[in-house]
Amino acid sequence: MEPFNGKRIVTIGGGTGGFVVNNGLRQYPVSPTAICTVFDSGGNTGQLRDQRGALPQGDVRRCLLALANWDNETLRQLFEHRFEKNGSPLDDYSIGNLLLLAAQKEWGVVEGIKRIASLLQVSGTVLPVSVDSAHLCAELSDGEKLIGERYIDKRSLEDDRTIVRLTLNARAFACREAVEAIQNAHMIVLGPGDLYTSIIPNLLVEGIAEAINDSLARLCYVPNLMTKWSETRGFGVDTFVRTLQSYGIKRPFDAVLVNTTPIGDELLTHYLMEEKSEPVRLTNDVETTLLASAAVRGFVKTNLVSASGLVAQLIRHDSQLLAHAIVGL
């Protein structure tokens, strides 16, 4: 394999998936740029957005932590600290989110993130996909429209409606630095992450899908390991790919990373009973169809599941295994 030093890898997503993939890439001599969704509306991030007009900071914070210098443990622990709930105005507030808010007010969104990244000695770059404020809107199968990421993502397991279409309630334009990173990348990685609340929101930003389609970089997709009732129940790898195409991805995926780690029946039954969640599968027929239609140029089938996660009864991607597979491309 040719030397990979300095290769520019752009990851696009949000949620815990952004942390997982970037935390793994940090271990390699590459130049990662994490482009983060900024349309969250729940939890501490949502409170700061409502009260202070802040651009949602949660995914930015996670990616900064993923790429931060592990030797600077004091700063990391402070950045991750969250105040306990005890009836005070600081209930459940993250110091990292507050610092990002302060930096945003002092120097603007992009420059503020850059300065916090310098403070944390981040190995790479973290960027918002946009600096425009907008909320996610989902049209459901019965015609109802939900406004706000938390209402789309946190629907009850008793709610059997599906998402028909996702939009933004206001126009959002791509951050210039994010577009430049995509244009100059050697590889673009979409996922892992919730399809409708972490991945597709980035494609709704004007200029992002176009930049991906025009980029000479290799395009890689990491589907989720498990389906999510409120977003992707019944989805296979092909449904994930076709859905991304319907939101503006016009070029083939050069590689789709598929897990081959066996997961025990007992744990799968637990996920099914507790979350109505099932493995995201790739059958031979589906693989043949995706390759024949030129939607995907190739599949990488390898072990991607965290062994420590399985011990804790959690099905999660392993940061190092995922990064190794991406770099191996």
C-alpha atoms as a PDB file:
ATOM      1  CA  MET A   1       0.000   0.000   0.000  1.00  0.00           C
ATOM      2  CA  GLU A   2       1.292   3.461  -0.878  1.00  0.00           C
ATOM      3  CA  PRO A   3       2.277   5.813   1.950  1.00  0.00           C
ATOM      4  CA  PHE A   4      -0.804   7.497   3.373  1.00  0.00           C
ATOM      5  CA  ASN A   5       0.962  10.353   5.156  1.00  0.00           C
ATOM      6  CA  GLY A   6      -0.864  13.630   4.787  1.00  0.00           C
ATOM      7  CA  LYS A   7      -3.837  12.256   2.852  1.00  0.00           C
ATOM      8  CA  ARG A   8      -6.872  14.464   3.418  1.00  0.00           C
ATOM      9  CA  ILE A   9      -9.909  12.560   4.695  1.00  0.00           C
ATOM     10  CA  VAL A  10     -13.185  14.442   5.124  1.00  0.00           C
ATOM     11  CA  THR A  11     -15.864  12.891   7.320  1.00  0.00           C
ATOM     12  CA  ILE A  12     -19.446  14.108   7.087  1.00  0.00           C
ATOM     13  CA  GLY A  13     -22.025  13.281   9.717  1.00  0.00           C
ATOM     14  CA  GLY A  14     -22.972  13.793  13.305  1.00  0.00           C
ATOM     15  CA  GLY A  15     -23.933  12.104  16.545  1.00  0.00           C
ATOM     16  CA  THR A  16     -21.776   9.417  18.101  1.00  0.00           C
ATOM     17  CA  GLY A  17     -20.744   8.181  14.650  1.00  0.00           C
ATOM     18  CA  GLY A  18     -18.715  11.330  14.071  1.00  0.00           C
ATOM     19  CA  PHE A  19     -16.806  10.719  17.286  1.00  0.00           C
ATOM     20  CA  VAL A  20     -16.164   7.055  16.467  1.00  0.00           C
ATOM     21  CA  VAL A  21     -14.742   7.533  12.977  1.00  0.00           C
ATOM     22  CA  ASN A  22     -12.622  10.580  13.817  1.00  0.00           C
ATOM     23  CA  ASN A  23     -11.271   9.091  17.022  1.00  0.00           C
ATOM     24  CA  GLY A  24      -9.999   6.195  14.939  1.00  0.00           C
ATOM     25  CA  LEU A  25      -8.539   8.336  12.156  1.00  0.00           C
ATOM     26  CA  ARG A  26      -6.604  10.370  14.721  1.00  0.00           C
ATOM     27  CA  GLN A  27      -4.369   7.348  15.270  1.00  0.00           C
ATOM     28  CA  TYR A  28      -3.115   7.465  11.659  1.00  0.00           C
ATOM     29  CA  PRO A  29      -0.748   9.876   9.874  1.00  0.00           C
ATOM     30  CA  VAL A  30      -3.587  11.436   7.879  1.00  0.00           C
ATOM     31  CA  SER A  31      -5.167  14.887   7.802  1.00  0.00           C
ATOM     32  CA  PRO A  32      -8.802  14.519   8.932  1.00  0.00           C
ATOM     33  CA  THR A  33     -11.488  17.158   8.595  1.00  0.00           C
ATOM     34  CA  ALA A  34     -14.785  16.551  10.398  1.00  0.00           C
ATOM     35  CA  ILE A  35     -17.777  18.356   8.873  1.00  0.00           C
ATOM     36  CA  CYS A  36     -20.588  18.385  11.432  1.00  0.00           C
ATOM     37  CA  THR A  37     -24.318  18.850  11.186  1.00  0.00           C
ATOM     38  CA  VAL A  38     -25.656  21.876  13.079  1.00  0.00           C
ATOM     39  CA  PHE A  39     -29.399  21.283  13.182  1.00  0.00           C
ATOM     40  CA  ASP A  40     -29.819  19.548  16.548  1.00  0.00           C
ATOM     41  CA  SER A  41     -32.598  20.830  18.769  1.00  0.00           C
ATOM     42  CA  GLY A  42     -32.614  18.535  21.793  1.00  0.00           C
ATOM     43  CA  GLY A  43     -30.956  18.481  25.209  1.00  0.00           C
ATOM     44  CA  ASN A  44     -28.373  21.003  26.341  1.00  0.00           C
ATOM     45  CA  THR A  45     -27.607  21.960  22.750  1.00  0.00           C
ATOM     46  CA  GLY A  46     -31.256  22.781  22.136  1.00  0.00           C
ATOM     47  CA  GLN A  47     -31.439  24.887  25.297  1.00  0.00           C
ATOM     48  CA  LEU A  48     -28.468  26.996  24.253  1.00  0.00           C
ATOM     49  CA  ARG A  49     -29.976  27.358  20.815  1.00  0.00           C
ATOM     50  CA  ASP A  50     -33.330  28.533  22.195  1.00  0.00           C
ATOM     51  CA  GLN A  51     -31.947  30.760  24.955  1.00  0.00           C
ATOM     52  CA  ARG A  52     -28.840  32.229  23.359  1.00  0.00           C
ATOM     53  CA  GLY A  53     -29.334  31.860  19.629  1.00  0.00           C
ATOM     54  CA  ALA A  54     -26.292  29.589  19.495  1.00  0.00           C
ATOM     55  CA  LEU A  55     -25.496  27.386  16.559  1.00  0.00           C
ATOM     56  CA  PRO A  56     -25.962  23.807  17.895  1.00  0.00           C
ATOM     57  CA  GLN A  57     -22.601  22.701  19.278  1.00  0.00           C
ATOM     58  CA  GLY A  58     -23.091  19.036  20.259  1.00  0.00           C
ATOM     59  CA  ASP A  59     -21.625  17.338  17.190  1.00  0.00           C
ATOM     60  CA  VAL A  60     -18.825  19.888  16.907  1.00  0.00           C
ATOM     61  CA  ARG A  61     -17.928  19.211  20.546  1.00  0.00           C
ATOM     62  CA  ARG A  62     -17.844  15.443  20.012  1.00  0.00           C
ATOM     63  CA  CYS A  63     -15.557  15.709  16.987  1.00  0.00           C
ATOM     64  CA  LEU A  64     -13.213  18.104  18.782  1.00  0.00           C
ATOM     65  CA  LEU A  65     -12.930  15.542  21.582  1.00  0.00           C
ATOM     66  CA  ALA A  66     -12.377  12.739  19.074  1.00  0.00           C
ATOM     67  CA  LEU A  67      -9.446  14.560  17.477  1.00  0.00           C
ATOM     68  CA  ALA A  68      -8.033  16.152  20.633  1.00  0.00           C
ATOM     69  CA  ASN A  69      -4.566  15.305  21.925  1.00  0.00           C
ATOM     70  CA  TRP A  70      -5.037  12.444  24.379  1.00  0.00           C
ATOM     71  CA  ASP A  71      -2.032  13.610  26.431  1.00  0.00           C
ATOM     72  CA  ASN A  72      -3.861  16.768  27.475  1.00  0.00           C
ATOM     73  CA  GLU A  73      -6.140  14.881  29.849  1.00  0.00           C
ATOM     74  CA  THR A  74      -6.922  17.850  32.107  1.00  0.00           C
ATOM     75  CA  LEU A  75      -8.353  19.907  29.265  1.00  0.00           C
ATOM     76  CA  ARG A  76     -10.239  16.899  27.923  1.00  0.00           C
ATOM     77  CA  GLN A  77     -11.897  16.177  31.254  1.00  0.00           C
ATOM     78  CA  LEU A  78     -12.874  19.809  31.732  1.00  0.00           C
ATOM     79  CA  PHE A  79     -14.257  20.016  28.202  1.00  0.00           C
ATOM     80  CA  GLU A  80     -16.365  16.888  28.755  1.00  0.00           C
ATOM     81  CA  HIS A  81     -17.627  17.891  32.211  1.00  0.00           C
ATOM     82  CA  ARG A  82     -21.395  18.163  32.490  1.00  0.00           C
ATOM     83  CA  PHE A  83     -23.085  19.748  35.502  1.00  0.00           C
ATOM     84  CA  GLU A  84     -25.430  17.452  37.405  1.00  0.00           C
ATOM     85  CA  LYS A  85     -29.145  18.100  37.515  1.00  0.00           C
ATOM     86  CA  ASN A  86     -29.997  19.759  40.834  1.00  0.00           C
ATOM     87  CA  GLY A  87     -32.451  22.493  39.935  1.00  0.00           C
ATOM     88  CA  SER A  88     -29.821  25.137  39.127  1.00  0.00           C
ATOM     89  CA  PRO A  89     -29.568  27.199  35.907  1.00  0.00           C
ATOM     90  CA  LEU A  90     -26.585  25.034  34.913  1.00  0.00           C
ATOM     91  CA  ASP A  91     -28.535  21.753  35.015  1.00  0.00           C
ATOM     92  CA  ASP A  92     -27.004  19.265  32.542  1.00  0.00           C
ATOM     93  CA  TYR A  93     -24.952  21.955  30.806  1.00  0.00           C
ATOM     94  CA  SER A  94     -21.714  20.832  29.182  1.00  0.00           C
ATOM     95  CA  ILE A  95     -18.640  23.004  29.739  1.00  0.00           C
ATOM     96  CA  GLY A  96     -17.574  22.194  26.188  1.00  0.00           C
ATOM     97  CA  ASN A  97     -20.828  23.582  24.793  1.00  0.00           C
ATOM     98  CA  LEU A  98     -20.511  26.709  26.943  1.00  0.00           C
ATOM     99  CA  LEU A  99     -16.932  27.295  25.779  1.00  0.00           C
ATOM    100  CA  LEU A 100     -17.985  26.880  22.156  1.00  0.00           C
ATOM    101  CA  LEU A 101     -20.843  29.324  22.704  1.00  0.00           C
ATOM    102  CA  ALA A 102     -18.464  31.876  24.228  1.00  0.00           C
ATOM    103  CA  ALA A 103     -15.979  31.396  21.371  1.00  0.00           C
ATOM    104  CA  GLN A 104     -18.774  31.792  18.835  1.00  0.00           C
ATOM    105  CA  LYS A 105     -19.850  35.085  20.419  1.00  0.00           C
ATOM    106  CA  GLU A 106     -16.259  36.369  20.614  1.00  0.00           C
ATOM    107  CA  TRP A 107     -14.885  35.390  17.197  1.00  0.00           C
ATOM    108  CA  GLY A 108     -17.669  33.948  15.063  1.00  0.00           C
ATOM    109  CA  VAL A 109     -18.568  30.312  14.485  1.00  0.00           C
ATOM    110  CA  VAL A 110     -15.693  29.030  12.337  1.00  0.00           C
ATOM    111  CA  GLU A 111     -12.946  31.072  13.985  1.00  0.00           C
ATOM    112  CA  GLY A 112     -14.326  30.222  17.428  1.00  0.00           C
ATOM    113  CA  ILE A 113     -14.156  26.487  16.700  1.00  0.00           C
ATOM    114  CA  LYS A 114     -10.645  26.945  15.323  1.00  0.00           C
ATOM    115  CA  ARG A 115      -9.475  28.609  18.540  1.00  0.00           C
ATOM    116  CA  ILE A 116     -11.010  25.923  20.764  1.00  0.00           C
ATOM    117  CA  ALA A 117      -9.393  23.286  18.528  1.00  0.00           C
ATOM    118  CA  SER A 118      -6.030  24.958  19.080  1.00  0.00           C
ATOM    119  CA  LEU A 119      -6.628  24.942  22.827  1.00  0.00           C
ATOM    120  CA  LEU A 120      -7.341  21.191  22.726  1.00  0.00           C
ATOM    121  CA  GLN A 121      -4.395  20.529  20.379  1.00  0.00           C
ATOM    122  CA  VAL A 122      -6.723  18.927  17.868  1.00  0.00           C
ATOM    123  CA  SER A 123      -5.103  16.719  15.225  1.00  0.00           C
ATOM    124  CA  GLY A 124      -7.096  17.852  12.224  1.00  0.00           C
ATOM    125  CA  THR A 125      -9.916  20.289  11.524  1.00  0.00           C
ATOM    126  CA  VAL A 126     -13.517  20.517  12.717  1.00  0.00           C
ATOM    127  CA  LEU A 127     -16.025  22.551  10.720  1.00  0.00           C
ATOM    128  CA  PRO A 128     -19.776  23.237  10.822  1.00  0.00           C
ATOM    129  CA  VAL A 129     -21.548  22.262   7.623  1.00  0.00           C
ATOM    130  CA  SER A 130     -23.209  25.697   7.683  1.00  0.00           C
ATOM    131  CA  VAL A 131     -23.382  28.779   9.886  1.00  0.00           C
ATOM    132  CA  ASP A 132     -27.048  29.355   9.036  1.00  0.00           C
ATOM    133  CA  SER A 133     -29.796  28.565  11.529  1.00  0.00           C
ATOM    134  CA  ALA A 134     -32.463  26.106  10.389  1.00  0.00           C
ATOM    135  CA  HIS A 135     -34.565  23.285  11.769  1.00  0.00           C
ATOM    136  CA  LEU A 136     -35.123  19.823  10.324  1.00  0.00           C
ATOM    137  CA  CYS A 137     -38.631  19.136   9.022  1.00  0.00           C
ATOM    138  CA  ALA A 138     -39.915  15.623   8.369  1.00  0.00           C
ATOM    139  CA  GLU A 139     -43.046  14.718   6.453  1.00  0.00           C
ATOM    140  CA  LEU A 140     -44.402  11.423   7.780  1.00  0.00           C
ATOM    141  CA  SER A 141     -46.341   8.729   5.955  1.00  0.00           C
ATOM    142  CA  ASP A 142     -49.691   9.992   7.274  1.00  0.00           C
ATOM    143  CA  GLY A 143     -49.008  13.531   6.062  1.00  0.00           C
ATOM    144  CA  GLU A 144     -48.086  15.054   9.425  1.00  0.00           C
ATOM    145  CA  LYS A 145     -45.042  17.338   9.450  1.00  0.00           C
ATOM    146  CA  LEU A 146     -42.634  17.406  12.382  1.00  0.00           C
ATOM    147  CA  ILE A 147     -40.346  20.400  12.941  1.00  0.00           C
ATOM    148  CA  GLY A 148     -37.213  19.922  15.033  1.00  0.00           C
ATOM    149  CA  GLU A 149     -34.587  17.189  15.151  1.00  0.00           C
ATOM    150  CA  ARG A 150     -35.601  15.987  18.626  1.00  0.00           C
ATOM    151  CA  TYR A 151     -39.213  15.378  17.532  1.00  0.00           C
ATOM    152  CA  ILE A 152     -38.075  13.415  14.481  1.00  0.00           C
ATOM    153  CA  ASP A 153     -35.405  11.362  16.215  1.00  0.00           C
ATOM    154  CA  LYS A 154     -37.109  10.574  19.525  1.00  0.00           C
ATOM    155  CA  ARG A 155     -40.449   9.281  18.311  1.00  0.00           C
ATOM    156  CA  SER A 156     -42.110   6.528  20.315  1.00  0.00           C
ATOM    157  CA  LEU A 157     -41.639   2.870  19.467  1.00  0.00           C
ATOM    158  CA  GLU A 158     -45.428   2.796  19.181  1.00  0.00           C
ATOM    159  CA  ASP A 159     -45.289   5.315  16.326  1.00  0.00           C
ATOM    160  CA  ASP A 160     -45.209   3.180  13.178  1.00  0.00           C
ATOM    161  CA  ARG A 161     -45.178   6.066  10.684  1.00  0.00           C
ATOM    162  CA  THR A 162     -42.217   6.341   8.327  1.00  0.00           C
ATOM    163  CA  ILE A 163     -40.338   9.395   7.075  1.00  0.00           C
ATOM    164  CA  VAL A 164     -41.369  10.338   3.541  1.00  0.00           C
ATOM    165  CA  ARG A 165     -39.256  13.436   3.070  1.00  0.00           C
ATOM    166  CA  LEU A 166     -36.769  15.514   5.043  1.00  0.00           C
ATOM    167  CA  THR A 167     -36.270  19.243   4.466  1.00  0.00           C
ATOM    168  CA  LEU A 168     -35.039  22.364   6.251  1.00  0.00           C
ATOM    169  CA  ASN A 169     -37.453  25.091   7.356  1.00  0.00           C
ATOM    170  CA  ALA A 170     -35.086  27.772   6.044  1.00  0.00           C
ATOM    171  CA  ARG A 171     -32.367  27.916   3.424  1.00  0.00           C
ATOM    172  CA  ALA A 172     -28.907  27.029   4.699  1.00  0.00           C
ATOM    173  CA  PHE A 173     -25.753  27.567   2.680  1.00  0.00           C
ATOM    174  CA  ALA A 174     -22.570  25.544   2.939  1.00  0.00           C
ATOM    175  CA  CYS A 175     -19.729  26.896   5.026  1.00  0.00           C
ATOM    176  CA  ARG A 176     -17.019  28.010   2.591  1.00  0.00           C
ATOM    177  CA  GLU A 177     -14.300  26.132   4.466  1.00  0.00           C
ATOM    178  CA  ALA A 178     -16.382  22.943   4.371  1.00  0.00           C
ATOM    179  CA  VAL A 179     -16.793  23.150   0.606  1.00  0.00           C
ATOM    180  CA  GLU A 180     -13.059  23.756   0.168  1.00  0.00           C
ATOM    181  CA  ALA A 181     -12.250  20.747   2.353  1.00  0.00           C
ATOM    182  CA  ILE A 182     -14.495  18.533   0.212  1.00  0.00           C
ATOM    183  CA  GLN A 183     -12.988  19.894  -2.998  1.00  0.00           C
ATOM    184  CA  ASN A 184      -9.432  19.225  -1.782  1.00  0.00           C
ATOM    185  CA  ALA A 185     -10.051  15.841  -0.148  1.00  0.00           C
ATOM    186  CA  HIS A 186      -8.479  12.536  -1.141  1.00  0.00           C
ATOM    187  CA  MET A 187     -11.389  10.680   0.460  1.00  0.00           C
ATOM    188  CA  ILE A 188     -14.881  11.611   1.667  1.00  0.00           C
ATOM    189  CA  VAL A 189     -16.536   9.416   4.283  1.00  0.00           C
ATOM    190  CA  LEU A 190     -20.276   9.568   4.939  1.00  0.00           C
ATOM    191  CA  GLY A 191     -21.392   7.932   8.190  1.00  0.00           C
ATOM    192  CA  PRO A 192     -21.816   6.146  10.393  1.00  0.00           C
ATOM    193  CA  GLY A 193     -24.744   7.938  12.001  1.00  0.00           C
ATOM    194  CA  ASP A 194     -28.511   8.251  12.036  1.00  0.00           C
ATOM    195  CA  LEU A 195     -29.546   8.553   8.413  1.00  0.00           C
ATOM    196  CA  TYR A 196     -32.234  11.224   8.736  1.00  0.00           C
ATOM    197  CA  THR A 197     -30.896  13.263  11.656  1.00  0.00           C
ATOM    198  CA  SER A 198     -27.105  13.029  11.262  1.00  0.00           C
ATOM    199  CA  ILE A 199     -26.199  12.286   7.617  1.00  0.00           C
ATOM    200  CA  ILE A 200     -28.922  13.608   5.294  1.00  0.00           C
ATOM    201  CA  PRO A 201     -29.178  17.009   7.082  1.00  0.00           C
ATOM    202  CA  ASN A 202     -25.740  17.841   5.682  1.00  0.00           C
ATOM    203  CA  LEU A 203     -26.964  17.105   2.155  1.00  0.00           C
ATOM    204  CA  LEU A 204     -29.844  19.556   2.611  1.00  0.00           C
ATOM    205  CA  VAL A 205     -27.345  22.396   2.916  1.00  0.00           C
ATOM    206  CA  GLU A 206     -26.972  24.150  -0.423  1.00  0.00           C
ATOM    207  CA  GLY A 207     -23.568  23.426  -1.945  1.00  0.00           C
ATOM    208  CA  ILE A 208     -22.653  20.247  -0.030  1.00  0.00           C
ATOM    209  CA  ALA A 209     -24.070  17.542  -2.311  1.00  0.00           C
ATOM    210  CA  GLU A 210     -22.803  19.492  -5.308  1.00  0.00           C
ATOM    211  CA  ALA A 211     -19.302  19.676  -3.831  1.00  0.00           C
ATOM    212  CA  ILE A 212     -19.322  15.910  -3.128  1.00  0.00           C
ATOM    213  CA  ASN A 213     -20.472  15.124  -6.659  1.00  0.00           C
ATOM    214  CA  ASP A 214     -17.821  17.371  -8.212  1.00  0.00           C
ATOM    215  CA  SER A 215     -14.956  16.265  -5.961  1.00  0.00           C
ATOM    216  CA  LEU A 216     -12.237  13.987  -7.325  1.00  0.00           C
ATOM    217  CA  ALA A 217     -11.997  12.301  -3.924  1.00  0.00           C
ATOM    218  CA  ARG A 218     -12.986   8.694  -3.391  1.00  0.00           C
ATOM    219  CA  LEU A 219     -16.427   8.468  -1.796  1.00  0.00           C
ATOM    220  CA  CYS A 220     -16.925   5.983   1.026  1.00  0.00           C
ATOM    221  CA  TYR A 221     -20.105   5.166   2.953  1.00  0.00           C
ATOM    222  CA  VAL A 222     -20.379   3.466   6.333  1.00  0.00           C
ATOM    223  CA  PRO A 223     -23.950   2.248   6.938  1.00  0.00           C
ATOM    224  CA  ASN A 224     -25.184   1.802  10.464  1.00  0.00           C
ATOM    225  CA  LEU A 225     -24.862  -1.614  12.074  1.00  0.00           C
ATOM    226  CA  MET A 226     -28.466  -1.630  13.267  1.00  0.00           C
ATOM    227  CA  THR A 227     -31.728  -0.106  12.081  1.00  0.00           C
ATOM    228  CA  LYS A 228     -33.544   2.570  14.092  1.00  0.00           C
ATOM    229  CA  TRP A 229     -37.303   2.341  14.514  1.00  0.00           C
ATOM    230  CA  SER A 230     -38.049   6.052  14.092  1.00  0.00           C
ATOM    231  CA  GLU A 231     -35.855   6.425  10.996  1.00  0.00           C
ATOM    232  CA  THR A 232     -34.722   3.293   9.190  1.00  0.00           C
ATOM    233  CA  ARG A 233     -36.729   0.261  10.269  1.00  0.00           C
ATOM    234  CA  GLY A 234     -36.597  -2.471   7.679  1.00  0.00           C
ATOM    235  CA  PHE A 235     -33.699  -0.824   5.839  1.00  0.00           C
ATOM    236  CA  GLY A 236     -30.939  -2.879   4.270  1.00  0.00           C
ATOM    237  CA  VAL A 237     -27.655  -1.565   2.908  1.00  0.00           C
ATOM    238  CA  ASP A 238     -29.345  -0.920  -0.440  1.00  0.00           C
ATOM    239  CA  THR A 239     -32.066   1.247   1.143  1.00  0.00           C
ATOM    240  CA  PHE A 240     -29.448   3.381   2.884  1.00  0.00           C
ATOM    241  CA  VAL A 241     -27.579   3.868  -0.406  1.00  0.00           C
ATOM    242  CA  ARG A 242     -30.706   4.615  -2.463  1.00  0.00           C
ATOM    243  CA  THR A 243     -31.971   7.086   0.138  1.00  0.00           C
ATOM    244  CA  LEU A 244     -28.691   9.021   0.044  1.00  0.00           C
ATOM    245  CA  GLN A 245     -28.949   9.121  -3.737  1.00  0.00           C
ATOM    246  CA  SER A 246     -32.442  10.598  -3.477  1.00  0.00           C
ATOM    247  CA  TYR A 247     -30.961  13.497  -1.485  1.00  0.00           C
ATOM    248  CA  GLY A 248     -28.460  14.563  -4.081  1.00  0.00           C
ATOM    249  CA  ILE A 249     -25.607  12.029  -4.237  1.00  0.00           C
ATOM    250  CA  LYS A 250     -25.346  11.528  -7.988  1.00  0.00           C
ATOM    251  CA  ARG A 251     -21.977   9.770  -8.190  1.00  0.00           C
ATOM    252  CA  PRO A 252     -21.299   6.125  -7.315  1.00  0.00           C
ATOM    253  CA  PHE A 253     -19.960   5.199  -3.906  1.00  0.00           C
ATOM    254  CA  ASP A 254     -16.427   3.941  -4.460  1.00  0.00           C
ATOM    255  CA  ALA A 255     -16.694   1.770  -1.356  1.00  0.00           C
ATOM    256  CA  VAL A 256     -19.348   0.738   1.143  1.00  0.00           C
ATOM    257  CA  LEU A 257     -18.039  -0.717   4.405  1.00  0.00           C
ATOM    258  CA  VAL A 258     -20.064  -3.671   5.655  1.00  0.00           C
ATOM    259  CA  ASN A 259     -19.573  -5.453   8.971  1.00  0.00           C
ATOM    260  CA  THR A 260     -18.942  -9.200   9.089  1.00  0.00           C
ATOM    261  CA  THR A 261     -18.545  -9.573  12.850  1.00  0.00           C
ATOM    262  CA  PRO A 262     -21.081 -12.132  14.095  1.00  0.00           C
ATOM    263  CA  ILE A 263     -23.404 -10.856  16.804  1.00  0.00           C
ATOM    264  CA  GLY A 264     -24.972 -13.271  19.251  1.00  0.00           C
ATOM    265  CA  ASP A 265     -28.665 -14.144  19.001  1.00  0.00           C
ATOM    266  CA  GLU A 266     -29.250 -13.165  22.626  1.00  0.00           C
ATOM    267  CA  LEU A 267     -28.023  -9.607  22.077  1.00  0.00           C
ATOM    268  CA  LEU A 268     -29.932  -9.288  18.795  1.00  0.00           C
ATOM    269  CA  THR A 269     -33.101 -10.439  20.551  1.00  0.00           C
ATOM    270  CA  HIS A 270     -32.501  -7.835  23.264  1.00  0.00           C
ATOM    271  CA  TYR A 271     -32.213  -5.059  20.651  1.00  0.00           C
ATOM    272  CA  LEU A 272     -35.332  -6.294  18.897  1.00  0.00           C
ATOM    273  CA  MET A 273     -37.383  -6.414  22.087  1.00  0.00           C
ATOM    274  CA  GLU A 274     -36.089  -3.153  23.608  1.00  0.00           C
ATOM    275  CA  GLU A 275     -35.608  -0.942  20.554  1.00  0.00           C
ATOM    276  CA  LYS A 276     -37.293  -2.802  17.663  1.00  0.00           C
ATOM    277  CA  SER A 277     -33.861  -2.696  16.046  1.00  0.00           C
ATOM    278  CA  GLU A 278     -32.406  -5.237  13.622  1.00  0.00           C
ATOM    279  CA  PRO A 279     -29.073  -5.667  11.802  1.00  0.00           C
ATOM    280  CA  VAL A 280     -28.575  -3.727   8.566  1.00  0.00           C
ATOM    281  CA  ARG A 281     -28.101  -6.572   6.110  1.00  0.00           C
ATOM    282  CA  LEU A 282     -26.470  -6.982   2.705  1.00  0.00           C
ATOM    283  CA  THR A 283     -27.649 -10.013   0.753  1.00  0.00           C
ATOM    284  CA  ASN A 284     -25.869 -11.411  -2.288  1.00  0.00           C
ATOM    285  CA  ASP A 285     -28.737 -10.380  -4.555  1.00  0.00           C
ATOM    286  CA  VAL A 286     -28.699  -6.807  -3.249  1.00  0.00           C
ATOM    287  CA  GLU A 287     -24.923  -6.606  -3.611  1.00  0.00           C
ATOM    288  CA  THR A 288     -25.140  -7.794  -7.217  1.00  0.00           C
ATOM    289  CA  THR A 289     -27.893  -5.286  -8.002  1.00  0.00           C
ATOM    290  CA  LEU A 290     -26.013  -2.326  -6.487  1.00  0.00           C
ATOM    291  CA  LEU A 291     -22.841  -3.208  -8.382  1.00  0.00           C
ATOM    292  CA  ALA A 292     -24.698  -3.763 -11.657  1.00  0.00           C
ATOM    293  CA  SER A 293     -26.518  -0.437 -11.362  1.00  0.00           C
ATOM    294  CA  ALA A 294     -23.211   1.373 -10.713  1.00  0.00           C
ATOM    295  CA  ALA A 295     -24.607   2.785  -7.456  1.00  0.00           C
ATOM    296  CA  VAL A 296     -21.627   1.201  -5.695  1.00  0.00           C
ATOM    297  CA  ARG A 297     -18.244   0.339  -7.184  1.00  0.00           C
ATOM    298  CA  GLY A 298     -17.156  -2.020  -4.422  1.00  0.00           C
ATOM    299  CA  PHE A 299     -17.822  -3.375  -0.942  1.00  0.00           C
ATOM    300  CA  VAL A 300     -15.380  -3.789   1.906  1.00  0.00           C
ATOM    301  CA  LYS A 301     -16.536  -6.624   4.149  1.00  0.00           C
ATOM    302  CA  THR A 302     -14.653  -6.788   7.408  1.00  0.00           C
ATOM    303  CA  ASN A 303     -14.974  -6.907  11.179  1.00  0.00           C
ATOM    304  CA  LEU A 304     -16.175  -3.502  12.378  1.00  0.00           C
ATOM    305  CA  VAL A 305     -17.935  -4.151  15.692  1.00  0.00           C
ATOM    306  CA  SER A 306     -16.462  -3.093  19.026  1.00  0.00           C
ATOM    307  CA  ALA A 307     -15.619  -6.157  21.141  1.00  0.00           C
ATOM    308  CA  SER A 308     -15.765  -4.112  24.347  1.00  0.00           C
ATOM    309  CA  GLY A 309     -19.166  -2.853  23.268  1.00  0.00           C
ATOM    310  CA  LEU A 310     -20.454  -6.390  22.877  1.00  0.00           C
ATOM    311  CA  VAL A 311     -19.269  -7.189  26.396  1.00  0.00           C
ATOM    312  CA  ALA A 312     -21.344  -4.226  27.595  1.00  0.00           C
ATOM    313  CA  GLN A 313     -24.314  -5.465  25.524  1.00  0.00           C
ATOM    314  CA  LEU A 314     -23.920  -2.634  23.018  1.00  0.00           C
ATOM    315  CA  ILE A 315     -23.610  -2.942  19.241  1.00  0.00           C
ATOM    316  CA  ARG A 316     -21.222  -0.180  18.170  1.00  0.00           C
ATOM    317  CA  HIS A 317     -18.567   0.407  15.525  1.00  0.00           C
ATOM    318  CA  ASP A 318     -14.997  -0.023  16.727  1.00  0.00           C
ATOM    319  CA  SER A 319     -13.029   3.203  16.131  1.00  0.00           C
ATOM    320  CA  GLN A 320      -9.744   1.500  15.290  1.00  0.00           C
ATOM    321  CA  LEU A 321     -11.230  -1.205  13.069  1.00  0.00           C
ATOM    322  CA  LEU A 322     -13.290   1.359  11.169  1.00  0.00           C
ATOM    323  CA  ALA A 323     -10.349   3.715  10.667  1.00  0.00           C
ATOM    324  CA  HIS A 324      -8.120   0.819   9.585  1.00  0.00           C
ATOM    325  CA  ALA A 325     -10.646  -0.158   6.929  1.00  0.00           C
ATOM    326  CA  ILE A 326     -10.958   3.423   5.667  1.00  0.00           C
ATOM    327  CA  VAL A 327      -7.198   4.003   5.533  1.00  0.00           C
ATOM    328  CA  GLY A 328      -6.806   0.614   3.836  1.00  0.00           C
ATOM    329  CA  LEU A 329      -8.795   1.919   0.900  1.00  0.00           C
END
